[in-house]
Amino acid sequence: MRHVILFVLLAVTVAACGRVPIPRIGLFDRMVPETRLPYSARITAPRGARSFDVVVASRGAPLEAVRDTVRFHATRHCLIGFGNSAIRWNAVPGDPARWIAQPDGRGRDVYSGTCVGR
């Protein structure tokens, strides 16, 4: 009798595969910063590429004021895509803390980087 019950449970389980909606449990699906970021930004990167650009509407603010916004979007991209938060920024040679921003023609700054690791 025990074998019959196990067989029926197994059959019901296999029959239900793909039919029962299972909620996604993603660690990074809803990743948002604790406090609101001061500038709006978005990240652009080709699928599967380690290099990326963060476009931020900072209206000419200094790097220190923009850094948290840029770092948040880049770190999220690298964690989701490559499992590591290490980033090599496009920076002044000899001074990796001074990231280089390129204007995009719409008054926004573009910061470039590459995910490092894995």
PDB file of N, CA and C in Angstrom:
ATOM      1  N   MET A   1       0.820  -1.193   0.000  1.00  0.00           N
ATOM      2  CA  MET A   1       0.000   0.000   0.000  1.00  0.00           C
ATOM      3  C   MET A   1       0.866   1.259   0.000  1.00  0.00           C
ATOM      4  N   ARG A   2       1.962   1.208   0.748  1.00  0.00           N
ATOM      5  CA  ARG A   2       2.848   2.361   0.822  1.00  0.00           C
ATOM      6  C   ARG A   2       3.443   2.669  -0.553  1.00  0.00           C
ATOM      7  N   HIS A   3       3.772   1.664  -1.333  1.00  0.00           N
ATOM      8  CA  HIS A   3       4.326   1.859  -2.664  1.00  0.00           C
ATOM      9  C   HIS A   3       3.311   2.499  -3.605  1.00  0.00           C
ATOM     10  N   VAL A   4       2.070   2.151  -3.467  1.00  0.00           N
ATOM     11  CA  VAL A   4       1.014   2.728  -4.303  1.00  0.00           C
ATOM     12  C   VAL A   4       0.858   4.212  -3.995  1.00  0.00           C
ATOM     13  N   ILE A   5       0.861   4.567  -2.727  1.00  0.00           N
ATOM     14  CA  ILE A   5       0.724   5.972  -2.335  1.00  0.00           C
ATOM     15  C   ILE A   5       1.916   6.782  -2.843  1.00  0.00           C
ATOM     16  N   LEU A   6       3.104   6.253  -2.707  1.00  0.00           N
ATOM     17  CA  LEU A   6       4.291   6.946  -3.210  1.00  0.00           C
ATOM     18  C   LEU A   6       4.242   7.102  -4.724  1.00  0.00           C
ATOM     19  N   PHE A   7       3.758   6.059  -5.413  1.00  0.00           N
ATOM     20  CA  PHE A   7       3.651   6.127  -6.866  1.00  0.00           C
ATOM     21  C   PHE A   7       2.643   7.198  -7.292  1.00  0.00           C
ATOM     22  N   VAL A   8       1.523   7.272  -6.604  1.00  0.00           N
ATOM     23  CA  VAL A   8       0.497   8.277  -6.936  1.00  0.00           C
ATOM     24  C   VAL A   8       1.031   9.678  -6.667  1.00  0.00           C
ATOM     25  N   LEU A   9       1.712   9.881  -5.555  1.00  0.00           N
ATOM     26  CA  LEU A   9       2.295  11.193  -5.251  1.00  0.00           C
ATOM     27  C   LEU A   9       3.340  11.588  -6.288  1.00  0.00           C
ATOM     28  N   LEU A  10       4.152  10.637  -6.699  1.00  0.00           N
ATOM     29  CA  LEU A  10       5.150  10.900  -7.721  1.00  0.00           C
ATOM     30  C   LEU A  10       4.486  11.251  -9.055  1.00  0.00           C
ATOM     31  N   ALA A  11       3.464  10.536  -9.417  1.00  0.00           N
ATOM     32  CA  ALA A  11       2.752  10.797 -10.671  1.00  0.00           C
ATOM     33  C   ALA A  11       2.106  12.178 -10.659  1.00  0.00           C
ATOM     34  N   VAL A  12       1.507  12.559  -9.542  1.00  0.00           N
ATOM     35  CA  VAL A  12       0.877  13.890  -9.431  1.00  0.00           C
ATOM     36  C   VAL A  12       1.940  14.977  -9.507  1.00  0.00           C
ATOM     37  N   THR A  13       3.067  14.746  -8.866  1.00  0.00           N
ATOM     38  CA  THR A  13       4.147  15.734  -8.882  1.00  0.00           C
ATOM     39  C   THR A  13       4.686  15.931 -10.293  1.00  0.00           C
ATOM     40  N   VAL A  14       4.920  14.852 -11.006  1.00  0.00           N
ATOM     41  CA  VAL A  14       5.438  14.941 -12.373  1.00  0.00           C
ATOM     42  C   VAL A  14       4.403  15.579 -13.288  1.00  0.00           C
ATOM     43  N   ALA A  15       3.149  15.254 -13.100  1.00  0.00           N
ATOM     44  CA  ALA A  15       2.090  15.819 -13.941  1.00  0.00           C
ATOM     45  C   ALA A  15       1.958  17.327 -13.718  1.00  0.00           C
ATOM     46  N   ALA A  16       2.287  17.784 -12.535  1.00  0.00           N
ATOM     47  CA  ALA A  16       2.143  19.207 -12.218  1.00  0.00           C
ATOM     48  C   ALA A  16       3.344  20.037 -12.667  1.00  0.00           C
ATOM     49  N   CYS A  17       4.413  19.398 -13.101  1.00  0.00           N
ATOM     50  CA  CYS A  17       5.607  20.132 -13.526  1.00  0.00           C
ATOM     51  C   CYS A  17       5.264  21.098 -14.656  1.00  0.00           C
ATOM     52  N   GLY A  18       5.654  22.325 -14.484  1.00  0.00           N
ATOM     53  CA  GLY A  18       5.427  23.329 -15.511  1.00  0.00           C
ATOM     54  C   GLY A  18       4.043  23.938 -15.484  1.00  0.00           C
ATOM     55  N   ARG A  19       3.147  23.426 -14.679  1.00  0.00           N
ATOM     56  CA  ARG A  19       1.786  23.962 -14.639  1.00  0.00           C
ATOM     57  C   ARG A  19       1.533  24.822 -13.407  1.00  0.00           C
ATOM     58  N   VAL A  20       2.321  24.629 -12.396  1.00  0.00           N
ATOM     59  CA  VAL A  20       2.118  25.388 -11.158  1.00  0.00           C
ATOM     60  C   VAL A  20       3.067  26.578 -11.183  1.00  0.00           C
ATOM     61  N   PRO A  21       2.523  27.782 -11.089  1.00  0.00           N
ATOM     62  CA  PRO A  21       3.417  28.947 -11.094  1.00  0.00           C
ATOM     63  C   PRO A  21       4.225  28.998  -9.803  1.00  0.00           C
ATOM     64  N   ILE A  22       5.528  29.062  -9.965  1.00  0.00           N
ATOM     65  CA  ILE A  22       6.414  29.145  -8.818  1.00  0.00           C
ATOM     66  C   ILE A  22       7.006  30.545  -8.809  1.00  0.00           C
ATOM     67  N   PRO A  23       6.883  31.260  -7.705  1.00  0.00           N
ATOM     68  CA  PRO A  23       7.421  32.625  -7.678  1.00  0.00           C
ATOM     69  C   PRO A  23       8.930  32.616  -7.798  1.00  0.00           C
ATOM     70  N   ARG A  24       9.460  33.611  -8.529  1.00  0.00           N
ATOM     71  CA  ARG A  24      10.912  33.732  -8.658  1.00  0.00           C
ATOM     72  C   ARG A  24      11.485  34.214  -7.344  1.00  0.00           C
ATOM     73  N   ILE A  25      12.514  33.571  -6.936  1.00  0.00           N
ATOM     74  CA  ILE A  25      13.197  33.991  -5.725  1.00  0.00           C
ATOM     75  C   ILE A  25      14.586  34.418  -6.156  1.00  0.00           C
ATOM     76  N   GLY A  26      14.714  35.693  -6.483  1.00  0.00           N
ATOM     77  CA  GLY A  26      15.998  36.221  -6.937  1.00  0.00           C
ATOM     78  C   GLY A  26      16.576  37.161  -5.900  1.00  0.00           C
ATOM     79  N   LEU A  27      17.849  37.028  -5.671  1.00  0.00           N
ATOM     80  CA  LEU A  27      18.488  37.883  -4.687  1.00  0.00           C
ATOM     81  C   LEU A  27      18.598  39.322  -5.158  1.00  0.00           C
ATOM     82  N   PHE A  28      18.704  39.526  -6.478  1.00  0.00           N
ATOM     83  CA  PHE A  28      18.963  40.850  -6.983  1.00  0.00           C
ATOM     84  C   PHE A  28      17.806  41.427  -7.791  1.00  0.00           C
ATOM     85  N   ASP A  29      16.652  40.762  -7.796  1.00  0.00           N
ATOM     86  CA  ASP A  29      15.530  41.228  -8.609  1.00  0.00           C
ATOM     87  C   ASP A  29      15.058  42.620  -8.203  1.00  0.00           C
ATOM     88  N   ARG A  30      15.019  42.876  -6.937  1.00  0.00           N
ATOM     89  CA  ARG A  30      14.484  44.143  -6.450  1.00  0.00           C
ATOM     90  C   ARG A  30      15.539  44.935  -5.674  1.00  0.00           C
ATOM     91  N   MET A  31      16.775  44.853  -6.110  1.00  0.00           N
ATOM     92  CA  MET A  31      17.847  45.537  -5.418  1.00  0.00           C
ATOM     93  C   MET A  31      17.679  47.040  -5.585  1.00  0.00           C
ATOM     94  N   VAL A  32      17.504  47.726  -4.489  1.00  0.00           N
ATOM     95  CA  VAL A  32      17.387  49.175  -4.489  1.00  0.00           C
ATOM     96  C   VAL A  32      18.260  49.720  -3.365  1.00  0.00           C
ATOM     97  N   PRO A  33      18.757  50.926  -3.500  1.00  0.00           N
ATOM     98  CA  PRO A  33      19.592  51.485  -2.446  1.00  0.00           C
ATOM     99  C   PRO A  33      18.776  51.811  -1.198  1.00  0.00           C
ATOM    100  N   GLU A  34      19.453  51.871  -0.045  1.00  0.00           N
ATOM    101  CA  GLU A  34      18.761  52.187   1.206  1.00  0.00           C
ATOM    102  C   GLU A  34      18.185  53.595   1.184  1.00  0.00           C
ATOM    103  N   THR A  35      18.965  54.529   0.690  1.00  0.00           N
ATOM    104  CA  THR A  35      18.494  55.903   0.584  1.00  0.00           C
ATOM    105  C   THR A  35      18.392  56.265  -0.888  1.00  0.00           C
ATOM    106  N   ARG A  36      17.541  57.188  -1.182  1.00  0.00           N
ATOM    107  CA  ARG A  36      17.327  57.591  -2.568  1.00  0.00           C
ATOM    108  C   ARG A  36      18.615  58.169  -3.157  1.00  0.00           C
ATOM    109  N   LEU A  37      18.935  57.752  -4.382  1.00  0.00           N
ATOM    110  CA  LEU A  37      20.128  58.260  -5.044  1.00  0.00           C
ATOM    111  C   LEU A  37      19.883  59.688  -5.518  1.00  0.00           C
ATOM    112  N   PRO A  38      20.904  60.545  -5.444  1.00  0.00           N
ATOM    113  CA  PRO A  38      20.694  61.955  -5.768  1.00  0.00           C
ATOM    114  C   PRO A  38      20.508  62.262  -7.248  1.00  0.00           C
ATOM    115  N   TYR A  39      20.939  61.370  -8.134  1.00  0.00           N
ATOM    116  CA  TYR A  39      20.853  61.635  -9.568  1.00  0.00           C
ATOM    117  C   TYR A  39      20.238  60.445 -10.284  1.00  0.00           C
ATOM    118  N   SER A  40      19.539  60.727 -11.378  1.00  0.00           N
ATOM    119  CA  SER A  40      18.981  59.629 -12.164  1.00  0.00           C
ATOM    120  C   SER A  40      20.072  59.101 -13.089  1.00  0.00           C
ATOM    121  N   ALA A  41      20.098  57.781 -13.244  1.00  0.00           N
ATOM    122  CA  ALA A  41      21.133  57.153 -14.063  1.00  0.00           C
ATOM    123  C   ALA A  41      20.591  55.867 -14.662  1.00  0.00           C
ATOM    124  N   ARG A  42      21.284  55.400 -15.687  1.00  0.00           N
ATOM    125  CA  ARG A  42      20.981  54.092 -16.270  1.00  0.00           C
ATOM    126  C   ARG A  42      22.286  53.503 -16.772  1.00  0.00           C
ATOM    127  N   ILE A  43      22.311  52.200 -16.857  1.00  0.00           N
ATOM    128  CA  ILE A  43      23.521  51.515 -17.302  1.00  0.00           C
ATOM    129  C   ILE A  43      23.274  50.924 -18.679  1.00  0.00           C
ATOM    130  N   THR A  44      24.275  50.995 -19.522  1.00  0.00           N
ATOM    131  CA  THR A  44      24.194  50.391 -20.839  1.00  0.00           C
ATOM    132  C   THR A  44      25.387  49.453 -21.006  1.00  0.00           C
ATOM    133  N   ALA A  45      25.099  48.254 -21.478  1.00  0.00           N
ATOM    134  CA  ALA A  45      26.154  47.265 -21.709  1.00  0.00           C
ATOM    135  C   ALA A  45      25.632  46.226 -22.692  1.00  0.00           C
ATOM    136  N   PRO A  46      26.466  45.805 -23.613  1.00  0.00           N
ATOM    137  CA  PRO A  46      26.061  44.706 -24.495  1.00  0.00           C
ATOM    138  C   PRO A  46      25.853  43.435 -23.664  1.00  0.00           C
ATOM    139  N   ARG A  47      24.958  42.586 -24.092  1.00  0.00           N
ATOM    140  CA  ARG A  47      24.655  41.355 -23.356  1.00  0.00           C
ATOM    141  C   ARG A  47      25.917  40.505 -23.215  1.00  0.00           C
ATOM    142  N   GLY A  48      26.223  40.157 -21.976  1.00  0.00           N
ATOM    143  CA  GLY A  48      27.365  39.304 -21.687  1.00  0.00           C
ATOM    144  C   GLY A  48      28.708  40.012 -21.664  1.00  0.00           C
ATOM    145  N   ALA A  49      28.733  41.313 -21.930  1.00  0.00           N
ATOM    146  CA  ALA A  49      29.997  42.045 -21.948  1.00  0.00           C
ATOM    147  C   ALA A  49      30.361  42.526 -20.549  1.00  0.00           C
ATOM    148  N   ARG A  50      31.632  42.475 -20.246  1.00  0.00           N
ATOM    149  CA  ARG A  50      32.096  42.949 -18.945  1.00  0.00           C
ATOM    150  C   ARG A  50      32.173  44.475 -18.889  1.00  0.00           C
ATOM    151  N   SER A  51      32.397  45.118 -20.019  1.00  0.00           N
ATOM    152  CA  SER A  51      32.488  46.575 -20.032  1.00  0.00           C
ATOM    153  C   SER A  51      31.085  47.183 -20.090  1.00  0.00           C
ATOM    154  N   PHE A  52      30.934  48.349 -19.492  1.00  0.00           N
ATOM    155  CA  PHE A  52      29.638  49.006 -19.404  1.00  0.00           C
ATOM    156  C   PHE A  52      29.831  50.507 -19.346  1.00  0.00           C
ATOM    157  N   ASP A  53      28.744  51.239 -19.550  1.00  0.00           N
ATOM    158  CA  ASP A  53      28.708  52.688 -19.389  1.00  0.00           C
ATOM    159  C   ASP A  53      27.549  53.026 -18.465  1.00  0.00           C
ATOM    160  N   VAL A  54      27.782  53.951 -17.559  1.00  0.00           N
ATOM    161  CA  VAL A  54      26.713  54.467 -16.700  1.00  0.00           C
ATOM    162  C   VAL A  54      26.466  55.900 -17.127  1.00  0.00           C
ATOM    163  N   VAL A  55      25.254  56.166 -17.599  1.00  0.00           N
ATOM    164  CA  VAL A  55      24.872  57.499 -18.040  1.00  0.00           C
ATOM    165  C   VAL A  55      24.103  58.148 -16.902  1.00  0.00           C
ATOM    166  N   VAL A  56      24.589  59.286 -16.436  1.00  0.00           N
ATOM    167  CA  VAL A  56      23.985  59.933 -15.274  1.00  0.00           C
ATOM    168  C   VAL A  56      23.699  61.397 -15.587  1.00  0.00           C
ATOM    169  N   ALA A  57      22.510  61.842 -15.202  1.00  0.00           N
ATOM    170  CA  ALA A  57      22.110  63.235 -15.385  1.00  0.00           C
ATOM    171  C   ALA A  57      22.520  64.002 -14.135  1.00  0.00           C
ATOM    172  N   SER A  58      23.779  64.442 -14.116  1.00  0.00           N
ATOM    173  CA  SER A  58      24.312  65.083 -12.916  1.00  0.00           C
ATOM    174  C   SER A  58      24.406  66.597 -13.049  1.00  0.00           C
ATOM    175  N   ARG A  59      24.087  67.100 -14.203  1.00  0.00           N
ATOM    176  CA  ARG A  59      24.107  68.536 -14.458  1.00  0.00           C
ATOM    177  C   ARG A  59      25.427  69.190 -14.043  1.00  0.00           C
ATOM    178  N   GLY A  60      26.546  68.531 -14.377  1.00  0.00           N
ATOM    179  CA  GLY A  60      27.858  69.111 -14.137  1.00  0.00           C
ATOM    180  C   GLY A  60      28.348  69.042 -12.706  1.00  0.00           C
ATOM    181  N   ALA A  61      27.727  68.237 -11.874  1.00  0.00           N
ATOM    182  CA  ALA A  61      28.158  68.114 -10.475  1.00  0.00           C
ATOM    183  C   ALA A  61      29.526  67.443 -10.411  1.00  0.00           C
ATOM    184  N   PRO A  62      30.287  67.706  -9.362  1.00  0.00           N
ATOM    185  CA  PRO A  62      31.596  67.052  -9.235  1.00  0.00           C
ATOM    186  C   PRO A  62      31.455  65.544  -8.999  1.00  0.00           C
ATOM    187  N   LEU A  63      32.534  64.822  -9.279  1.00  0.00           N
ATOM    188  CA  LEU A  63      32.529  63.368  -9.185  1.00  0.00           C
ATOM    189  C   LEU A  63      32.081  62.877  -7.817  1.00  0.00           C
ATOM    190  N   GLU A  64      32.540  63.498  -6.745  1.00  0.00           N
ATOM    191  CA  GLU A  64      32.186  63.034  -5.404  1.00  0.00           C
ATOM    192  C   GLU A  64      30.677  63.062  -5.177  1.00  0.00           C
ATOM    193  N   ALA A  65      29.984  64.005  -5.773  1.00  0.00           N
ATOM    194  CA  ALA A  65      28.539  64.097  -5.618  1.00  0.00           C
ATOM    195  C   ALA A  65      27.812  63.036  -6.435  1.00  0.00           C
ATOM    196  N   VAL A  66      28.405  62.574  -7.505  1.00  0.00           N
ATOM    197  CA  VAL A  66      27.780  61.634  -8.430  1.00  0.00           C
ATOM    198  C   VAL A  66      28.179  60.189  -8.129  1.00  0.00           C
ATOM    199  N   ARG A  67      29.262  60.006  -7.414  1.00  0.00           N
ATOM    200  CA  ARG A  67      29.885  58.693  -7.237  1.00  0.00           C
ATOM    201  C   ARG A  67      28.931  57.617  -6.722  1.00  0.00           C
ATOM    202  N   ASP A  68      28.109  57.883  -5.729  1.00  0.00           N
ATOM    203  CA  ASP A  68      27.203  56.857  -5.177  1.00  0.00           C
ATOM    204  C   ASP A  68      26.212  56.356  -6.223  1.00  0.00           C
ATOM    205  N   THR A  69      25.667  57.272  -7.005  1.00  0.00           N
ATOM    206  CA  THR A  69      24.715  56.870  -8.034  1.00  0.00           C
ATOM    207  C   THR A  69      25.382  55.976  -9.072  1.00  0.00           C
ATOM    208  N   VAL A  70      26.534  56.380  -9.543  1.00  0.00           N
ATOM    209  CA  VAL A  70      27.252  55.618 -10.566  1.00  0.00           C
ATOM    210  C   VAL A  70      27.671  54.261 -10.012  1.00  0.00           C
ATOM    211  N   ARG A  71      28.213  54.255  -8.799  1.00  0.00           N
ATOM    212  CA  ARG A  71      28.702  53.009  -8.199  1.00  0.00           C
ATOM    213  C   ARG A  71      27.564  52.015  -7.970  1.00  0.00           C
ATOM    214  N   PHE A  72      26.391  52.491  -7.540  1.00  0.00           N
ATOM    215  CA  PHE A  72      25.267  51.584  -7.290  1.00  0.00           C
ATOM    216  C   PHE A  72      24.880  50.834  -8.556  1.00  0.00           C
ATOM    217  N   HIS A  73      24.689  51.545  -9.654  1.00  0.00           N
ATOM    218  CA  HIS A  73      24.262  50.899 -10.902  1.00  0.00           C
ATOM    219  C   HIS A  73      25.335  49.953 -11.436  1.00  0.00           C
ATOM    220  N   ALA A  74      26.593  50.339 -11.334  1.00  0.00           N
ATOM    221  CA  ALA A  74      27.675  49.488 -11.817  1.00  0.00           C
ATOM    222  C   ALA A  74      27.827  48.234 -10.967  1.00  0.00           C
ATOM    223  N   THR A  75      27.744  48.385  -9.654  1.00  0.00           N
ATOM    224  CA  THR A  75      27.887  47.234  -8.760  1.00  0.00           C
ATOM    225  C   THR A  75      26.760  46.238  -8.981  1.00  0.00           C
ATOM    226  N   ARG A  76      25.546  46.715  -9.133  1.00  0.00           N
ATOM    227  CA  ARG A  76      24.415  45.827  -9.400  1.00  0.00           C
ATOM    228  C   ARG A  76      24.628  45.060 -10.705  1.00  0.00           C
ATOM    229  N   HIS A  77      25.085  45.752 -11.747  1.00  0.00           N
ATOM    230  CA  HIS A  77      25.345  45.109 -13.041  1.00  0.00           C
ATOM    231  C   HIS A  77      26.392  44.007 -12.904  1.00  0.00           C
ATOM    232  N   CYS A  78      27.481  44.293 -12.206  1.00  0.00           N
ATOM    233  CA  CYS A  78      28.564  43.310 -12.079  1.00  0.00           C
ATOM    234  C   CYS A  78      28.157  42.129 -11.193  1.00  0.00           C
ATOM    235  N   LEU A  79      27.395  42.392 -10.134  1.00  0.00           N
ATOM    236  CA  LEU A  79      26.949  41.293  -9.276  1.00  0.00           C
ATOM    237  C   LEU A  79      26.004  40.357 -10.007  1.00  0.00           C
ATOM    238  N   ILE A  80      25.061  40.912 -10.718  1.00  0.00           N
ATOM    239  CA  ILE A  80      24.087  40.081 -11.422  1.00  0.00           C
ATOM    240  C   ILE A  80      24.741  39.323 -12.578  1.00  0.00           C
ATOM    241  N   GLY A  81      25.569  40.005 -13.338  1.00  0.00           N
ATOM    242  CA  GLY A  81      26.141  39.384 -14.526  1.00  0.00           C
ATOM    243  C   GLY A  81      27.358  38.519 -14.293  1.00  0.00           C
ATOM    244  N   PHE A  82      28.167  38.873 -13.276  1.00  0.00           N
ATOM    245  CA  PHE A  82      29.450  38.197 -13.135  1.00  0.00           C
ATOM    246  C   PHE A  82      29.749  37.726 -11.718  1.00  0.00           C
ATOM    247  N   GLY A  83      28.846  37.955 -10.778  1.00  0.00           N
ATOM    248  CA  GLY A  83      28.997  37.421  -9.432  1.00  0.00           C
ATOM    249  C   GLY A  83      30.077  38.071  -8.601  1.00  0.00           C
ATOM    250  N   ASN A  84      30.508  39.257  -8.995  1.00  0.00           N
ATOM    251  CA  ASN A  84      31.560  39.939  -8.268  1.00  0.00           C
ATOM    252  C   ASN A  84      31.326  41.439  -8.371  1.00  0.00           C
ATOM    253  N   SER A  85      31.637  42.173  -7.333  1.00  0.00           N
ATOM    254  CA  SER A  85      31.406  43.615  -7.358  1.00  0.00           C
ATOM    255  C   SER A  85      32.656  44.421  -7.671  1.00  0.00           C
ATOM    256  N   ALA A  86      33.750  43.758  -7.994  1.00  0.00           N
ATOM    257  CA  ALA A  86      34.985  44.471  -8.315  1.00  0.00           C
ATOM    258  C   ALA A  86      34.856  45.136  -9.690  1.00  0.00           C
ATOM    259  N   ILE A  87      35.241  46.410  -9.743  1.00  0.00           N
ATOM    260  CA  ILE A  87      35.097  47.191 -10.970  1.00  0.00           C
ATOM    261  C   ILE A  87      36.397  47.944 -11.240  1.00  0.00           C
ATOM    262  N   ARG A  88      36.830  47.934 -12.489  1.00  0.00           N
ATOM    263  CA  ARG A  88      37.955  48.759 -12.913  1.00  0.00           C
ATOM    264  C   ARG A  88      37.358  49.921 -13.711  1.00  0.00           C
ATOM    265  N   TRP A  89      37.471  51.117 -13.180  1.00  0.00           N
ATOM    266  CA  TRP A  89      36.882  52.299 -13.804  1.00  0.00           C
ATOM    267  C   TRP A  89      37.842  52.904 -14.823  1.00  0.00           C
ATOM    268  N   ASN A  90      37.276  53.550 -15.833  1.00  0.00           N
ATOM    269  CA  ASN A  90      38.068  54.339 -16.767  1.00  0.00           C
ATOM    270  C   ASN A  90      38.467  55.595 -15.993  1.00  0.00           C
ATOM    271  N   ALA A  91      39.751  55.679 -15.621  1.00  0.00           N
ATOM    272  CA  ALA A  91      40.198  56.739 -14.721  1.00  0.00           C
ATOM    273  C   ALA A  91      41.469  57.396 -15.241  1.00  0.00           C
ATOM    274  N   VAL A  92      41.853  58.460 -14.553  1.00  0.00           N
ATOM    275  CA  VAL A  92      43.087  59.161 -14.871  1.00  0.00           C
ATOM    276  C   VAL A  92      44.256  58.194 -14.645  1.00  0.00           C
ATOM    277  N   PRO A  93      45.172  58.072 -15.607  1.00  0.00           N
ATOM    278  CA  PRO A  93      46.301  57.154 -15.435  1.00  0.00           C
ATOM    279  C   PRO A  93      47.096  57.481 -14.160  1.00  0.00           C
ATOM    280  N   GLY A  94      47.340  56.462 -13.365  1.00  0.00           N
ATOM    281  CA  GLY A  94      48.075  56.632 -12.120  1.00  0.00           C
ATOM    282  C   GLY A  94      47.211  57.007 -10.937  1.00  0.00           C
ATOM    283  N   ASP A  95      45.948  57.307 -11.154  1.00  0.00           N
ATOM    284  CA  ASP A  95      45.050  57.678 -10.059  1.00  0.00           C
ATOM    285  C   ASP A  95      43.677  57.041 -10.287  1.00  0.00           C
ATOM    286  N   PRO A  96      43.509  55.764  -9.900  1.00  0.00           N
ATOM    287  CA  PRO A  96      42.245  55.066 -10.172  1.00  0.00           C
ATOM    288  C   PRO A  96      41.035  55.654  -9.453  1.00  0.00           C
ATOM    289  N   ALA A  97      41.241  56.520  -8.480  1.00  0.00           N
ATOM    290  CA  ALA A  97      40.110  57.126  -7.772  1.00  0.00           C
ATOM    291  C   ALA A  97      39.492  58.289  -8.553  1.00  0.00           C
ATOM    292  N   ARG A  98      40.174  58.774  -9.580  1.00  0.00           N
ATOM    293  CA  ARG A  98      39.649  59.895 -10.369  1.00  0.00           C
ATOM    294  C   ARG A  98      39.072  59.370 -11.677  1.00  0.00           C
ATOM    295  N   TRP A  99      37.798  58.990 -11.634  1.00  0.00           N
ATOM    296  CA  TRP A  99      37.119  58.459 -12.812  1.00  0.00           C
ATOM    297  C   TRP A  99      36.978  59.552 -13.860  1.00  0.00           C
ATOM    298  N   ILE A 100      36.977  59.133 -15.113  1.00  0.00           N
ATOM    299  CA  ILE A 100      36.844  60.075 -16.222  1.00  0.00           C
ATOM    300  C   ILE A 100      35.403  60.044 -16.721  1.00  0.00           C
ATOM    301  N   ALA A 101      34.804  61.220 -16.834  1.00  0.00           N
ATOM    302  CA  ALA A 101      33.442  61.343 -17.365  1.00  0.00           C
ATOM    303  C   ALA A 101      33.509  61.922 -18.768  1.00  0.00           C
ATOM    304  N   GLN A 102      32.737  61.329 -19.676  1.00  0.00           N
ATOM    305  CA  GLN A 102      32.624  61.830 -21.037  1.00  0.00           C
ATOM    306  C   GLN A 102      31.232  62.430 -21.204  1.00  0.00           C
ATOM    307  N   PRO A 103      31.117  63.658 -21.710  1.00  0.00           N
ATOM    308  CA  PRO A 103      29.782  64.213 -21.964  1.00  0.00           C
ATOM    309  C   PRO A 103      29.141  63.511 -23.155  1.00  0.00           C
ATOM    310  N   ASP A 104      27.802  63.373 -23.121  1.00  0.00           N
ATOM    311  CA  ASP A 104      27.119  62.651 -24.201  1.00  0.00           C
ATOM    312  C   ASP A 104      26.357  63.554 -25.162  1.00  0.00           C
ATOM    313  N   GLY A 105      26.444  64.850 -25.015  1.00  0.00           N
ATOM    314  CA  GLY A 105      25.746  65.754 -25.928  1.00  0.00           C
ATOM    315  C   GLY A 105      24.366  66.157 -25.449  1.00  0.00           C
ATOM    316  N   ARG A 106      23.839  65.498 -24.447  1.00  0.00           N
ATOM    317  CA  ARG A 106      22.523  65.829 -23.893  1.00  0.00           C
ATOM    318  C   ARG A 106      22.656  66.405 -22.484  1.00  0.00           C
ATOM    319  N   GLY A 107      23.860  66.773 -22.112  1.00  0.00           N
ATOM    320  CA  GLY A 107      24.089  67.325 -20.789  1.00  0.00           C
ATOM    321  C   GLY A 107      24.285  66.268 -19.716  1.00  0.00           C
ATOM    322  N   ARG A 108      24.440  65.025 -20.123  1.00  0.00           N
ATOM    323  CA  ARG A 108      24.663  63.937 -19.172  1.00  0.00           C
ATOM    324  C   ARG A 108      26.118  63.493 -19.238  1.00  0.00           C
ATOM    325  N   ASP A 109      26.588  62.901 -18.153  1.00  0.00           N
ATOM    326  CA  ASP A 109      27.942  62.373 -18.099  1.00  0.00           C
ATOM    327  C   ASP A 109      27.907  60.864 -18.243  1.00  0.00           C
ATOM    328  N   VAL A 110      28.926  60.310 -18.914  1.00  0.00           N
ATOM    329  CA  VAL A 110      29.027  58.860 -19.105  1.00  0.00           C
ATOM    330  C   VAL A 110      30.316  58.397 -18.441  1.00  0.00           C
ATOM    331  N   TYR A 111      30.157  57.501 -17.466  1.00  0.00           N
ATOM    332  CA  TYR A 111      31.296  56.895 -16.786  1.00  0.00           C
ATOM    333  C   TYR A 111      31.407  55.459 -17.271  1.00  0.00           C
ATOM    334  N   SER A 112      32.629  55.038 -17.619  1.00  0.00           N
ATOM    335  CA  SER A 112      32.853  53.698 -18.158  1.00  0.00           C
ATOM    336  C   SER A 112      33.651  52.855 -17.184  1.00  0.00           C
ATOM    337  N   GLY A 113      33.361  51.563 -17.202  1.00  0.00           N
ATOM    338  CA  GLY A 113      34.088  50.640 -16.335  1.00  0.00           C
ATOM    339  C   GLY A 113      34.017  49.236 -16.885  1.00  0.00           C
ATOM    340  N   THR A 114      34.718  48.333 -16.202  1.00  0.00           N
ATOM    341  CA  THR A 114      34.754  46.933 -16.582  1.00  0.00           C
ATOM    342  C   THR A 114      34.626  46.085 -15.324  1.00  0.00           C
ATOM    343  N   CYS A 115      33.761  45.090 -15.362  1.00  0.00           N
ATOM    344  CA  CYS A 115      33.617  44.164 -14.239  1.00  0.00           C
ATOM    345  C   CYS A 115      34.847  43.271 -14.193  1.00  0.00           C
ATOM    346  N   VAL A 116      35.412  43.133 -13.006  1.00  0.00           N
ATOM    347  CA  VAL A 116      36.619  42.337 -12.817  1.00  0.00           C
ATOM    348  C   VAL A 116      36.245  41.135 -11.952  1.00  0.00           C
ATOM    349  N   GLY A 117      36.813  40.015 -12.247  1.00  0.00           N
ATOM    350  CA  GLY A 117      36.544  38.836 -11.427  1.00  0.00           C
ATOM    351  C   GLY A 117      35.817  37.757 -12.184  1.00  0.00           C
ATOM    352  N   ARG A 118      35.776  36.615 -11.579  1.00  0.00           N
ATOM    353  CA  ARG A 118      35.162  35.387 -12.080  1.00  0.00           C
ATOM    354  C   ARG A 118      35.435  35.170 -13.488  1.00  0.00           C
TER     355      ARG A 118
END
